Structure formats: structure tokens, C-alpha cells
Amino acid sequence: MRACRRITVGACGATWLGALVAALAIWGAAAGAIAGGPVAEDLSDPASVLSEASVAYDRGVQALAIGREAALPMLERSIALYQRIIEDPPRGLGIQSGALWYNLGGAYLLAGDTGRAVLAYKRAERLAPLDRNVQTNLAIARQRAGAAAGGGGESRPIFESVVAWVQVIPGSIRFEVFAGAFGAAWLASLWRLVAGAGRLRPGRGVVIAAACVAAGALATLLADEAWARAVREAVVIAPEVIGRTGPDDATYEASPGAALKGGAEARLVKRQASWAQIRLGDGRETWVPGSSIEEMEPR
């Protein structure tokens, strides 16, 4: 299992690292200028914060050989530093990347916080849908959470079913199909104009076919965007929570199969006072304390 990868090494190489470090430094300077000074003393050099987070993570991994208790201080330090980079100002820099969320998820997973690990990996997956390391570690975190496949025979709206079917193909691949088909349609149109009536002139059907493929791919991307904003995904971040039939643990009894482990995924139906109603993957609905879950932000 590859629980985490350091941002300073990996498949993206030194060019990617240089770009990220430069972006962090520029962002930190800009934030400091806007605020009339550094956002915080430890954020005045964002590249150093990133490096320190990686060092703390590595030391935590090494300490795991002794035991989790020995590793926790360093893993928690790594988590705090990654969060400072990711969080919005003034607490952090507000920098989002799949690699940052991936590393944060790895630190959470090794620290034993499965719920926040699942949440971080899901956010990494949104930003890096083709990253196999993200997909592998998200599956590991879900397995530790005891996540079962949804279903239960629940009927789904047609639009939801279509979106679920389309999302089998990662969004980045569909974007590449759109870009390629769009470019092919324009090139074929230009070729038709330049070639005149020659034998090598592409037929009108080629232009129409490429345009249709581009339009279809674009439609799936727009449907993805609309779905992500309409559906409020959430993850249980408490180690364990008992679901209730209503928004009160004194008045309402526990729901059937009420114990939810950290990392359980659901959809947020609504919030009421300090409680939240969620719908699980098998269609069951239950109420949990609002602080026991965290929403996925819309794309």
C-alpha cells in the first residue's frame, strides 16, 4: 500500500515541483502584500511550509515502526501544515491541488482518522480523477471504513442514472475527447475551404460527425458540473455516530442499522438546528449530529 506520496517526489517530476513551489511563493507574497504583511509567521515562506509538511510526514512514517502513539505527533504536525496551505485566507493560503489533498489523506489514514482520510481522498479525486494512487488509496480508506456498495434496489431518477453511467468514463478523458473532436471539426472545415473541390477535400459528414462528438462530450461535462452542484455529498468524520429517526437523541430512537463508522459516505438531505438528515447509499435516511459529518464542496 502506498499510503502517501511526498509532493517533492513522484510521477510529476522536478518540473511539476518547481511550478508548485513557485506558485506557493508567489501566492504567499501576494497574500502578504494584500494584508500589509505575511498572513502568518509560518506562512511567510509557503515553500518551506510544504517542505516541513513532507518532512513531518516522513518522520511520522518512520516512527510507525515503534507504534502509532509515537508517530501521531509528527503526523498531526504534517496534517496541520497541509491544512494551512489548503485552507482559505486568512487561516491559510487557499491553494487547491489533487496532490495536496492526496498527501493530507495519507497523513489522516496513517493517523487512524479514516473519516477525514476518505473525505480528503474524495477531494483529491475531484481534482485528479485519473490518478491511480488516489483511486487505490480511496479504495483502501473505504475498506477500512467498512463501506459497502450502495444499491438496495432503490430506484433512481433518470438524470441521476444517466450521470452515473456517464461518469464511468473519467471527466479528463471526456474533456480530451471534446477538445480533440472540436479541433478536428475546425480543421476539417478549414481543409474544405482551402482544398476547394479536390479529391482530398473532407466530406461534410466528417465535419458534422466531429462536431456531434464534441457536442456530446461537452454535454456530459456540463451534466457533471450541474450534478456536482445539485447533489450535496457528505462524509461521516466522527469515529462512530448513532443515527436517529429524528433530529434529537433524547426524543427519537436509533435508526435500524444506526451505527455509522467514520468514512461512511452519504448525501445531505437537509440541516435542522444542530442536526443533519442524510441519505445512505442503500437509500436509508437517518439523522446525525451536524458536527459528525462534513460536506464535499461543489466543484
C-alpha atoms as a PDB file:
ATOM      1  CA  MET A   1       0.000   0.000   0.000  1.00  0.00           C
ATOM      2  CA  ARG A   2       1.262   3.422  -0.886  1.00  0.00           C
ATOM      3  CA  ALA A   3      -0.427   5.446   1.829  1.00  0.00           C
ATOM      4  CA  CYS A   4       1.037   8.776   0.799  1.00  0.00           C
ATOM      5  CA  ARG A   5       3.447  10.296  -1.638  1.00  0.00           C
ATOM      6  CA  ARG A   6       5.519  13.339  -0.937  1.00  0.00           C
ATOM      7  CA  ILE A   7       4.838  16.239  -3.240  1.00  0.00           C
ATOM      8  CA  THR A   8       8.589  16.669  -3.651  1.00  0.00           C
ATOM      9  CA  VAL A   9       8.929  13.339  -5.456  1.00  0.00           C
ATOM     10  CA  GLY A  10       6.658  11.339  -7.691  1.00  0.00           C
ATOM     11  CA  ALA A  11       5.445  10.828 -11.200  1.00  0.00           C
ATOM     12  CA  CYS A  12       5.206  14.518 -11.992  1.00  0.00           C
ATOM     13  CA  GLY A  13       8.926  15.108 -11.551  1.00  0.00           C
ATOM     14  CA  ALA A  14      11.015  18.164 -10.824  1.00  0.00           C
ATOM     15  CA  THR A  15       9.249  20.399 -13.337  1.00  0.00           C
ATOM     16  CA  TRP A  16       5.935  19.962 -11.518  1.00  0.00           C
ATOM     17  CA  LEU A  17       7.626  20.522  -8.152  1.00  0.00           C
ATOM     18  CA  GLY A  18       9.260  23.731  -9.347  1.00  0.00           C
ATOM     19  CA  ALA A  19       5.935  25.015 -10.646  1.00  0.00           C
ATOM     20  CA  LEU A  20       4.169  24.262  -7.363  1.00  0.00           C
ATOM     21  CA  VAL A  21       6.890  25.792  -5.204  1.00  0.00           C
ATOM     22  CA  ALA A  22       6.954  28.889  -7.411  1.00  0.00           C
ATOM     23  CA  ALA A  23       3.172  29.153  -7.213  1.00  0.00           C
ATOM     24  CA  LEU A  24       3.287  28.831  -3.435  1.00  0.00           C
ATOM     25  CA  ALA A  25       5.934  31.520  -3.143  1.00  0.00           C
ATOM     26  CA  ILE A  26       4.101  33.924  -5.467  1.00  0.00           C
ATOM     27  CA  TRP A  27       0.809  33.299  -3.706  1.00  0.00           C
ATOM     28  CA  GLY A  28       2.357  33.907  -0.292  1.00  0.00           C
ATOM     29  CA  ALA A  29       3.937  37.158  -1.448  1.00  0.00           C
ATOM     30  CA  ALA A  30       0.654  38.347  -2.925  1.00  0.00           C
ATOM     31  CA  ALA A  31      -1.291  37.454   0.208  1.00  0.00           C
ATOM     32  CA  GLY A  32       1.250  39.278   2.337  1.00  0.00           C
ATOM     33  CA  ALA A  33       1.050  42.361   0.129  1.00  0.00           C
ATOM     34  CA  ILE A  34      -2.731  42.455   0.287  1.00  0.00           C
ATOM     35  CA  ALA A  35      -2.781  42.131   4.056  1.00  0.00           C
ATOM     36  CA  GLY A  36       0.066  44.608   4.502  1.00  0.00           C
ATOM     37  CA  GLY A  37       2.381  41.799   5.637  1.00  0.00           C
ATOM     38  CA  PRO A  38       2.583  37.973   5.837  1.00  0.00           C
ATOM     39  CA  VAL A  39      -0.671  36.130   6.545  1.00  0.00           C
ATOM     40  CA  ALA A  40       1.045  34.428   9.475  1.00  0.00           C
ATOM     41  CA  GLU A  41       4.610  33.981  10.505  1.00  0.00           C
ATOM     42  CA  ASP A  42       4.734  30.353   9.408  1.00  0.00           C
ATOM     43  CA  LEU A  43       3.079  31.166   6.056  1.00  0.00           C
ATOM     44  CA  SER A  44       5.543  33.873   5.015  1.00  0.00           C
ATOM     45  CA  ASP A  45       7.501  31.206   3.106  1.00  0.00           C
ATOM     46  CA  PRO A  46       4.916  28.776   1.638  1.00  0.00           C
ATOM     47  CA  ALA A  47       7.564  26.580   0.009  1.00  0.00           C
ATOM     48  CA  SER A  48       9.107  25.991   3.448  1.00  0.00           C
ATOM     49  CA  VAL A  49       5.687  25.084   4.859  1.00  0.00           C
ATOM     50  CA  LEU A  50       5.302  22.489   2.108  1.00  0.00           C
ATOM     51  CA  SER A  51       8.777  21.105   2.767  1.00  0.00           C
ATOM     52  CA  GLU A  52       8.185  20.972   6.524  1.00  0.00           C
ATOM     53  CA  ALA A  53       4.878  19.125   5.990  1.00  0.00           C
ATOM     54  CA  SER A  54       6.688  16.476   3.923  1.00  0.00           C
ATOM     55  CA  VAL A  55       9.474  16.132   6.494  1.00  0.00           C
ATOM     56  CA  ALA A  56       6.950  15.764   9.331  1.00  0.00           C
ATOM     57  CA  TYR A  57       5.089  13.112   7.357  1.00  0.00           C
ATOM     58  CA  ASP A  58       8.296  11.144   6.663  1.00  0.00           C
ATOM     59  CA  ARG A  59       9.261  11.242  10.337  1.00  0.00           C
ATOM     60  CA  GLY A  60       5.791  10.058  11.261  1.00  0.00           C
ATOM     61  CA  VAL A  61       6.089   7.114   8.873  1.00  0.00           C
ATOM     62  CA  GLN A  62       9.458   6.183  10.379  1.00  0.00           C
ATOM     63  CA  ALA A  63       8.013   6.402  13.907  1.00  0.00           C
ATOM     64  CA  LEU A  64       5.250   3.966  12.967  1.00  0.00           C
ATOM     65  CA  ALA A  65       7.838   1.210  13.380  1.00  0.00           C
ATOM     66  CA  ILE A  66       7.694   1.975  17.105  1.00  0.00           C
ATOM     67  CA  GLY A  67       3.922   2.448  17.264  1.00  0.00           C
ATOM     68  CA  ARG A  68       1.133   4.810  16.287  1.00  0.00           C
ATOM     69  CA  GLU A  69       1.391   6.763  19.528  1.00  0.00           C
ATOM     70  CA  ALA A  70       4.990   7.597  18.709  1.00  0.00           C
ATOM     71  CA  ALA A  71       4.069   8.613  15.160  1.00  0.00           C
ATOM     72  CA  LEU A  72       0.985  10.720  15.970  1.00  0.00           C
ATOM     73  CA  PRO A  73       2.772  13.982  16.893  1.00  0.00           C
ATOM     74  CA  MET A  74       4.601  14.113  13.558  1.00  0.00           C
ATOM     75  CA  LEU A  75       1.571  13.001  11.521  1.00  0.00           C
ATOM     76  CA  GLU A  76      -0.594  15.591  13.247  1.00  0.00           C
ATOM     77  CA  ARG A  77       2.056  18.228  12.518  1.00  0.00           C
ATOM     78  CA  SER A  78       2.034  17.210   8.860  1.00  0.00           C
ATOM     79  CA  ILE A  79      -1.778  17.383   8.774  1.00  0.00           C
ATOM     80  CA  ALA A  80      -1.780  20.867  10.325  1.00  0.00           C
ATOM     81  CA  LEU A  81       0.743  22.171   7.792  1.00  0.00           C
ATOM     82  CA  TYR A  82      -1.068  20.748   4.756  1.00  0.00           C
ATOM     83  CA  GLN A  83      -4.301  22.239   6.059  1.00  0.00           C
ATOM     84  CA  ARG A  84      -2.670  25.659   6.375  1.00  0.00           C
ATOM     85  CA  ILE A  85      -1.752  25.526   2.688  1.00  0.00           C
ATOM     86  CA  ILE A  86      -5.203  24.342   1.609  1.00  0.00           C
ATOM     87  CA  GLU A  87      -7.463  26.426   3.873  1.00  0.00           C
ATOM     88  CA  ASP A  88      -8.802  29.764   2.677  1.00  0.00           C
ATOM     89  CA  PRO A  89      -7.229  33.014   3.942  1.00  0.00           C
ATOM     90  CA  PRO A  90      -6.674  34.374   6.496  1.00  0.00           C
ATOM     91  CA  ARG A  91      -6.050  31.000   8.177  1.00  0.00           C
ATOM     92  CA  GLY A  92      -4.293  29.542   5.150  1.00  0.00           C
ATOM     93  CA  LEU A  93      -3.254  30.145   1.565  1.00  0.00           C
ATOM     94  CA  GLY A  94      -6.295  28.680  -0.179  1.00  0.00           C
ATOM     95  CA  ILE A  95      -4.248  26.617  -2.640  1.00  0.00           C
ATOM     96  CA  GLN A  96      -6.053  23.567  -4.034  1.00  0.00           C
ATOM     97  CA  SER A  97      -4.423  20.632  -5.784  1.00  0.00           C
ATOM     98  CA  GLY A  98      -5.046  16.934  -6.048  1.00  0.00           C
ATOM     99  CA  ALA A  99      -1.539  16.217  -4.719  1.00  0.00           C
ATOM    100  CA  LEU A 100      -2.074  18.310  -1.580  1.00  0.00           C
ATOM    101  CA  TRP A 101      -5.396  16.614  -0.777  1.00  0.00           C
ATOM    102  CA  TYR A 102      -3.818  13.229  -1.529  1.00  0.00           C
ATOM    103  CA  ASN A 103      -0.967  13.835   0.897  1.00  0.00           C
ATOM    104  CA  LEU A 104      -3.375  15.107   3.537  1.00  0.00           C
ATOM    105  CA  GLY A 105      -5.492  11.972   3.088  1.00  0.00           C
ATOM    106  CA  GLY A 106      -2.418   9.787   3.528  1.00  0.00           C
ATOM    107  CA  ALA A 107      -1.473  11.513   6.764  1.00  0.00           C
ATOM    108  CA  TYR A 108      -5.023  11.149   8.085  1.00  0.00           C
ATOM    109  CA  LEU A 109      -5.120   7.474   7.117  1.00  0.00           C
ATOM    110  CA  LEU A 110      -1.858   6.670   8.906  1.00  0.00           C
ATOM    111  CA  ALA A 111      -3.012   8.674  11.930  1.00  0.00           C
ATOM    112  CA  GLY A 112      -6.123   6.484  12.152  1.00  0.00           C
ATOM    113  CA  ASP A 113      -8.652   9.177  11.143  1.00  0.00           C
ATOM    114  CA  THR A 114     -10.444   7.164   8.469  1.00  0.00           C
ATOM    115  CA  GLY A 115     -13.349   9.571   8.037  1.00  0.00           C
ATOM    116  CA  ARG A 116     -11.197  12.574   7.172  1.00  0.00           C
ATOM    117  CA  ALA A 117      -8.959  10.349   5.037  1.00  0.00           C
ATOM    118  CA  VAL A 118     -11.940   9.337   2.879  1.00  0.00           C
ATOM    119  CA  LEU A 119     -13.011  12.980   2.627  1.00  0.00           C
ATOM    120  CA  ALA A 120      -9.523  14.152   1.604  1.00  0.00           C
ATOM    121  CA  TYR A 121      -9.138  11.386  -0.978  1.00  0.00           C
ATOM    122  CA  LYS A 122     -12.551  12.189  -2.473  1.00  0.00           C
ATOM    123  CA  ARG A 123     -11.495  15.829  -2.834  1.00  0.00           C
ATOM    124  CA  ALA A 124      -8.215  14.689  -4.407  1.00  0.00           C
ATOM    125  CA  GLU A 125     -10.191  12.511  -6.823  1.00  0.00           C
ATOM    126  CA  ARG A 126     -12.203  15.511  -7.998  1.00  0.00           C
ATOM    127  CA  LEU A 127      -9.025  17.392  -8.829  1.00  0.00           C
ATOM    128  CA  ALA A 128      -7.076  14.398 -10.183  1.00  0.00           C
ATOM    129  CA  PRO A 129      -9.641  11.877 -11.495  1.00  0.00           C
ATOM    130  CA  LEU A 130      -7.050   9.822 -13.432  1.00  0.00           C
ATOM    131  CA  ASP A 131      -4.546   9.462 -10.592  1.00  0.00           C
ATOM    132  CA  ARG A 132      -4.342   5.746  -9.840  1.00  0.00           C
ATOM    133  CA  ASN A 133      -2.698   6.347  -6.463  1.00  0.00           C
ATOM    134  CA  VAL A 134      -5.689   8.446  -5.412  1.00  0.00           C
ATOM    135  CA  GLN A 135      -8.128   5.789  -6.598  1.00  0.00           C
ATOM    136  CA  THR A 136      -6.197   2.992  -4.870  1.00  0.00           C
ATOM    137  CA  ASN A 137      -5.893   4.768  -1.546  1.00  0.00           C
ATOM    138  CA  LEU A 138      -9.507   5.928  -1.606  1.00  0.00           C
ATOM    139  CA  ALA A 139     -10.491   2.270  -2.019  1.00  0.00           C
ATOM    140  CA  ILE A 140      -8.249   1.322   0.932  1.00  0.00           C
ATOM    141  CA  ALA A 141      -9.760   4.054   3.119  1.00  0.00           C
ATOM    142  CA  ARG A 142     -13.273   2.975   2.153  1.00  0.00           C
ATOM    143  CA  GLN A 143     -12.403  -0.618   3.020  1.00  0.00           C
ATOM    144  CA  ARG A 144     -11.192   0.457   6.456  1.00  0.00           C
ATOM    145  CA  ALA A 145     -14.416   2.401   6.916  1.00  0.00           C
ATOM    146  CA  GLY A 146     -16.360  -0.769   6.152  1.00  0.00           C
ATOM    147  CA  ALA A 147     -18.054   0.953   3.213  1.00  0.00           C
ATOM    148  CA  ALA A 148     -20.386  -1.329   1.342  1.00  0.00           C
ATOM    149  CA  ALA A 149     -21.604  -0.868  -2.160  1.00  0.00           C
ATOM    150  CA  GLY A 150     -24.818   1.056  -2.346  1.00  0.00           C
ATOM    151  CA  GLY A 151     -27.916  -0.256  -4.016  1.00  0.00           C
ATOM    152  CA  GLY A 152     -30.687  -1.874  -2.059  1.00  0.00           C
ATOM    153  CA  GLY A 153     -32.904  -1.821  -5.114  1.00  0.00           C
ATOM    154  CA  GLU A 154     -33.600   1.878  -4.753  1.00  0.00           C
ATOM    155  CA  SER A 155     -34.966   3.376  -7.964  1.00  0.00           C
ATOM    156  CA  ARG A 156     -33.112   6.446  -9.173  1.00  0.00           C
ATOM    157  CA  PRO A 157     -34.235   9.397 -11.288  1.00  0.00           C
ATOM    158  CA  ILE A 158     -33.415   9.084 -14.991  1.00  0.00           C
ATOM    159  CA  PHE A 159     -30.998  12.032 -14.893  1.00  0.00           C
ATOM    160  CA  GLU A 160     -29.110  10.500 -11.951  1.00  0.00           C
ATOM    161  CA  SER A 161     -28.889   7.146 -13.704  1.00  0.00           C
ATOM    162  CA  VAL A 162     -27.565   8.750 -16.892  1.00  0.00           C
ATOM    163  CA  VAL A 163     -24.964  10.770 -14.977  1.00  0.00           C
ATOM    164  CA  ALA A 164     -23.827   7.674 -13.061  1.00  0.00           C
ATOM    165  CA  TRP A 165     -23.430   5.790 -16.341  1.00  0.00           C
ATOM    166  CA  VAL A 166     -21.508   8.631 -17.990  1.00  0.00           C
ATOM    167  CA  GLN A 167     -19.159   9.021 -15.013  1.00  0.00           C
ATOM    168  CA  VAL A 168     -17.745   5.561 -15.677  1.00  0.00           C
ATOM    169  CA  ILE A 169     -15.523   7.485 -18.126  1.00  0.00           C
ATOM    170  CA  PRO A 170     -13.342   9.968 -16.164  1.00  0.00           C
ATOM    171  CA  GLY A 171     -14.045  13.635 -16.825  1.00  0.00           C
ATOM    172  CA  SER A 172     -10.500  14.315 -18.001  1.00  0.00           C
ATOM    173  CA  ILE A 173     -10.851  11.723 -20.784  1.00  0.00           C
ATOM    174  CA  ARG A 174     -14.182  13.213 -21.852  1.00  0.00           C
ATOM    175  CA  PHE A 175     -12.563  16.661 -21.934  1.00  0.00           C
ATOM    176  CA  GLU A 176      -9.786  15.314 -24.157  1.00  0.00           C
ATOM    177  CA  VAL A 177     -12.406  13.794 -26.464  1.00  0.00           C
ATOM    178  CA  PHE A 178     -14.210  17.150 -26.603  1.00  0.00           C
ATOM    179  CA  ALA A 179     -11.003  19.069 -27.344  1.00  0.00           C
ATOM    180  CA  GLY A 180      -9.880  16.585 -29.984  1.00  0.00           C
ATOM    181  CA  ALA A 181     -13.247  16.419 -31.747  1.00  0.00           C
ATOM    182  CA  PHE A 182     -13.690  20.193 -31.616  1.00  0.00           C
ATOM    183  CA  GLY A 183     -10.238  20.702 -33.116  1.00  0.00           C
ATOM    184  CA  ALA A 184     -10.915  18.050 -35.763  1.00  0.00           C
ATOM    185  CA  ALA A 185     -14.178  19.750 -36.747  1.00  0.00           C
ATOM    186  CA  TRP A 186     -12.435  23.100 -37.205  1.00  0.00           C
ATOM    187  CA  LEU A 187      -9.505  21.576 -39.110  1.00  0.00           C
ATOM    188  CA  ALA A 188     -11.844  19.662 -41.409  1.00  0.00           C
ATOM    189  CA  SER A 189     -13.860  22.820 -42.071  1.00  0.00           C
ATOM    190  CA  LEU A 190     -10.698  24.795 -42.830  1.00  0.00           C
ATOM    191  CA  TRP A 191      -9.417  21.998 -45.061  1.00  0.00           C
ATOM    192  CA  ARG A 192     -12.669  22.043 -47.028  1.00  0.00           C
ATOM    193  CA  LEU A 193     -12.259  25.762 -47.652  1.00  0.00           C
ATOM    194  CA  VAL A 194      -8.610  25.509 -48.684  1.00  0.00           C
ATOM    195  CA  ALA A 195      -8.829  22.309 -50.725  1.00  0.00           C
ATOM    196  CA  GLY A 196     -11.756  23.506 -52.815  1.00  0.00           C
ATOM    197  CA  ALA A 197     -13.261  20.748 -54.923  1.00  0.00           C
ATOM    198  CA  GLY A 198     -10.186  18.496 -54.852  1.00  0.00           C
ATOM    199  CA  ARG A 199     -10.323  14.776 -54.202  1.00  0.00           C
ATOM    200  CA  LEU A 200      -8.652  15.159 -50.814  1.00  0.00           C
ATOM    201  CA  ARG A 201     -11.333  17.519 -49.604  1.00  0.00           C
ATOM    202  CA  PRO A 202     -13.014  16.035 -46.480  1.00  0.00           C
ATOM    203  CA  GLY A 203     -16.738  15.430 -46.809  1.00  0.00           C
ATOM    204  CA  ARG A 204     -19.347  17.424 -44.952  1.00  0.00           C
ATOM    205  CA  GLY A 205     -20.204  14.293 -42.990  1.00  0.00           C
ATOM    206  CA  VAL A 206     -16.737  14.295 -41.397  1.00  0.00           C
ATOM    207  CA  VAL A 207     -17.275  17.841 -40.107  1.00  0.00           C
ATOM    208  CA  ILE A 208     -20.752  17.004 -38.820  1.00  0.00           C
ATOM    209  CA  ALA A 209     -19.568  13.796 -37.128  1.00  0.00           C
ATOM    210  CA  ALA A 210     -16.688  15.560 -35.358  1.00  0.00           C
ATOM    211  CA  ALA A 211     -18.986  18.387 -34.279  1.00  0.00           C
ATOM    212  CA  CYS A 212     -21.520  15.903 -32.893  1.00  0.00           C
ATOM    213  CA  VAL A 213     -18.839  14.056 -30.900  1.00  0.00           C
ATOM    214  CA  ALA A 214     -17.586  17.377 -29.484  1.00  0.00           C
ATOM    215  CA  ALA A 215     -21.119  18.462 -28.582  1.00  0.00           C
ATOM    216  CA  GLY A 216     -21.849  15.129 -26.884  1.00  0.00           C
ATOM    217  CA  ALA A 217     -18.658  15.207 -24.834  1.00  0.00           C
ATOM    218  CA  LEU A 218     -19.320  18.813 -23.814  1.00  0.00           C
ATOM    219  CA  ALA A 219     -22.871  17.897 -22.771  1.00  0.00           C
ATOM    220  CA  THR A 220     -21.561  15.185 -20.419  1.00  0.00           C
ATOM    221  CA  LEU A 221     -19.114  17.643 -18.840  1.00  0.00           C
ATOM    222  CA  LEU A 222     -21.873  20.195 -18.274  1.00  0.00           C
ATOM    223  CA  ALA A 223     -24.105  17.471 -16.797  1.00  0.00           C
ATOM    224  CA  ASP A 224     -21.257  16.529 -14.444  1.00  0.00           C
ATOM    225  CA  GLU A 225     -20.951  20.123 -13.293  1.00  0.00           C
ATOM    226  CA  ALA A 226     -24.685  20.507 -12.732  1.00  0.00           C
ATOM    227  CA  TRP A 227     -24.872  17.216 -10.833  1.00  0.00           C
ATOM    228  CA  ALA A 228     -21.911  18.033  -8.590  1.00  0.00           C
ATOM    229  CA  ARG A 229     -23.558  21.320  -7.586  1.00  0.00           C
ATOM    230  CA  ALA A 230     -27.022  19.823  -7.112  1.00  0.00           C
ATOM    231  CA  VAL A 231     -26.013  16.813  -5.015  1.00  0.00           C
ATOM    232  CA  ARG A 232     -24.625  17.609  -1.566  1.00  0.00           C
ATOM    233  CA  GLU A 233     -22.191  14.809  -0.794  1.00  0.00           C
ATOM    234  CA  ALA A 234     -21.037  14.306   2.782  1.00  0.00           C
ATOM    235  CA  VAL A 235     -18.743  12.008   4.741  1.00  0.00           C
ATOM    236  CA  VAL A 236     -19.002  10.930   8.375  1.00  0.00           C
ATOM    237  CA  ILE A 237     -15.869  12.295  10.079  1.00  0.00           C
ATOM    238  CA  ALA A 238     -16.689  11.177  13.640  1.00  0.00           C
ATOM    239  CA  PRO A 239     -15.127   7.806  14.607  1.00  0.00           C
ATOM    240  CA  GLU A 240     -18.668   6.452  15.045  1.00  0.00           C
ATOM    241  CA  VAL A 241     -22.104   8.023  15.226  1.00  0.00           C
ATOM    242  CA  ILE A 242     -25.555   6.637  16.007  1.00  0.00           C
ATOM    243  CA  GLY A 243     -28.227   7.640  13.513  1.00  0.00           C
ATOM    244  CA  ARG A 244     -31.653   8.651  14.826  1.00  0.00           C
ATOM    245  CA  THR A 245     -35.146   8.638  13.352  1.00  0.00           C
ATOM    246  CA  GLY A 246     -35.375  12.374  14.048  1.00  0.00           C
ATOM    247  CA  PRO A 247     -33.261  15.413  14.956  1.00  0.00           C
ATOM    248  CA  ASP A 248     -32.942  14.728  18.678  1.00  0.00           C
ATOM    249  CA  ASP A 249     -31.191  11.926  20.546  1.00  0.00           C
ATOM    250  CA  ALA A 250     -33.438  12.298  23.599  1.00  0.00           C
ATOM    251  CA  THR A 251     -36.775  12.101  21.776  1.00  0.00           C
ATOM    252  CA  TYR A 252     -36.079   9.847  18.787  1.00  0.00           C
ATOM    253  CA  GLU A 253     -34.915   6.267  18.822  1.00  0.00           C
ATOM    254  CA  ALA A 254     -31.947   4.902  16.964  1.00  0.00           C
ATOM    255  CA  SER A 255     -32.487   4.119  13.291  1.00  0.00           C
ATOM    256  CA  PRO A 256     -32.229   0.492  12.126  1.00  0.00           C
ATOM    257  CA  GLY A 257     -28.560  -0.254  11.483  1.00  0.00           C
ATOM    258  CA  ALA A 258     -27.868   3.078  13.145  1.00  0.00           C
ATOM    259  CA  ALA A 259     -24.133   2.829  13.915  1.00  0.00           C
ATOM    260  CA  LEU A 260     -22.155   4.609  11.192  1.00  0.00           C
ATOM    261  CA  LYS A 261     -18.372   4.448  11.148  1.00  0.00           C
ATOM    262  CA  GLY A 262     -16.056   7.274  10.188  1.00  0.00           C
ATOM    263  CA  GLY A 263     -15.726   7.330   6.407  1.00  0.00           C
ATOM    264  CA  ALA A 264     -19.348   6.404   5.671  1.00  0.00           C
ATOM    265  CA  GLU A 265     -20.485   8.329   2.596  1.00  0.00           C
ATOM    266  CA  ALA A 266     -23.904   9.866   2.208  1.00  0.00           C
ATOM    267  CA  ARG A 267     -25.910  12.679   0.666  1.00  0.00           C
ATOM    268  CA  LEU A 268     -27.011  15.561   2.784  1.00  0.00           C
ATOM    269  CA  VAL A 269     -30.797  15.945   2.598  1.00  0.00           C
ATOM    270  CA  LYS A 270     -31.185  18.925   4.932  1.00  0.00           C
ATOM    271  CA  ARG A 271     -29.939  20.513   8.134  1.00  0.00           C
ATOM    272  CA  GLN A 272     -32.132  21.358  11.107  1.00  0.00           C
ATOM    273  CA  ALA A 273     -30.592  23.204  14.046  1.00  0.00           C
ATOM    274  CA  SER A 274     -27.535  21.182  15.075  1.00  0.00           C
ATOM    275  CA  TRP A 275     -28.662  18.028  13.248  1.00  0.00           C
ATOM    276  CA  ALA A 276     -28.393  16.787   9.674  1.00  0.00           C
ATOM    277  CA  GLN A 277     -30.557  14.359   7.734  1.00  0.00           C
ATOM    278  CA  ILE A 278     -28.526  12.167   5.407  1.00  0.00           C
ATOM    279  CA  ARG A 279     -29.333   9.518   2.800  1.00  0.00           C
ATOM    280  CA  LEU A 280     -27.038   6.494   2.683  1.00  0.00           C
ATOM    281  CA  GLY A 281     -26.004   4.585  -0.421  1.00  0.00           C
ATOM    282  CA  ASP A 282     -28.718   1.960   0.085  1.00  0.00           C
ATOM    283  CA  GLY A 283     -31.456   4.600   0.234  1.00  0.00           C
ATOM    284  CA  ARG A 284     -31.917   4.652   4.027  1.00  0.00           C
ATOM    285  CA  GLU A 285     -32.278   8.063   5.646  1.00  0.00           C
ATOM    286  CA  THR A 286     -31.198   8.915   9.169  1.00  0.00           C
ATOM    287  CA  TRP A 287     -30.432  11.917  11.362  1.00  0.00           C
ATOM    288  CA  VAL A 288     -26.966  12.545  12.806  1.00  0.00           C
ATOM    289  CA  PRO A 289     -25.372  15.450  14.698  1.00  0.00           C
ATOM    290  CA  GLY A 290     -24.302  18.064  12.171  1.00  0.00           C
ATOM    291  CA  SER A 291     -20.778  18.136  13.568  1.00  0.00           C
ATOM    292  CA  SER A 292     -20.319  14.421  12.814  1.00  0.00           C
ATOM    293  CA  ILE A 293     -20.315  14.948   9.035  1.00  0.00           C
ATOM    294  CA  GLU A 294     -18.545  17.241   6.604  1.00  0.00           C
ATOM    295  CA  GLU A 295     -19.822  18.257   3.187  1.00  0.00           C
ATOM    296  CA  MET A 296     -17.954  17.992  -0.050  1.00  0.00           C
ATOM    297  CA  GLU A 297     -17.733  21.424  -1.614  1.00  0.00           C
ATOM    298  CA  PRO A 298     -19.312  21.715  -5.067  1.00  0.00           C
ATOM    299  CA  ARG A 299     -16.918  21.794  -7.993  1.00  0.00           C
END
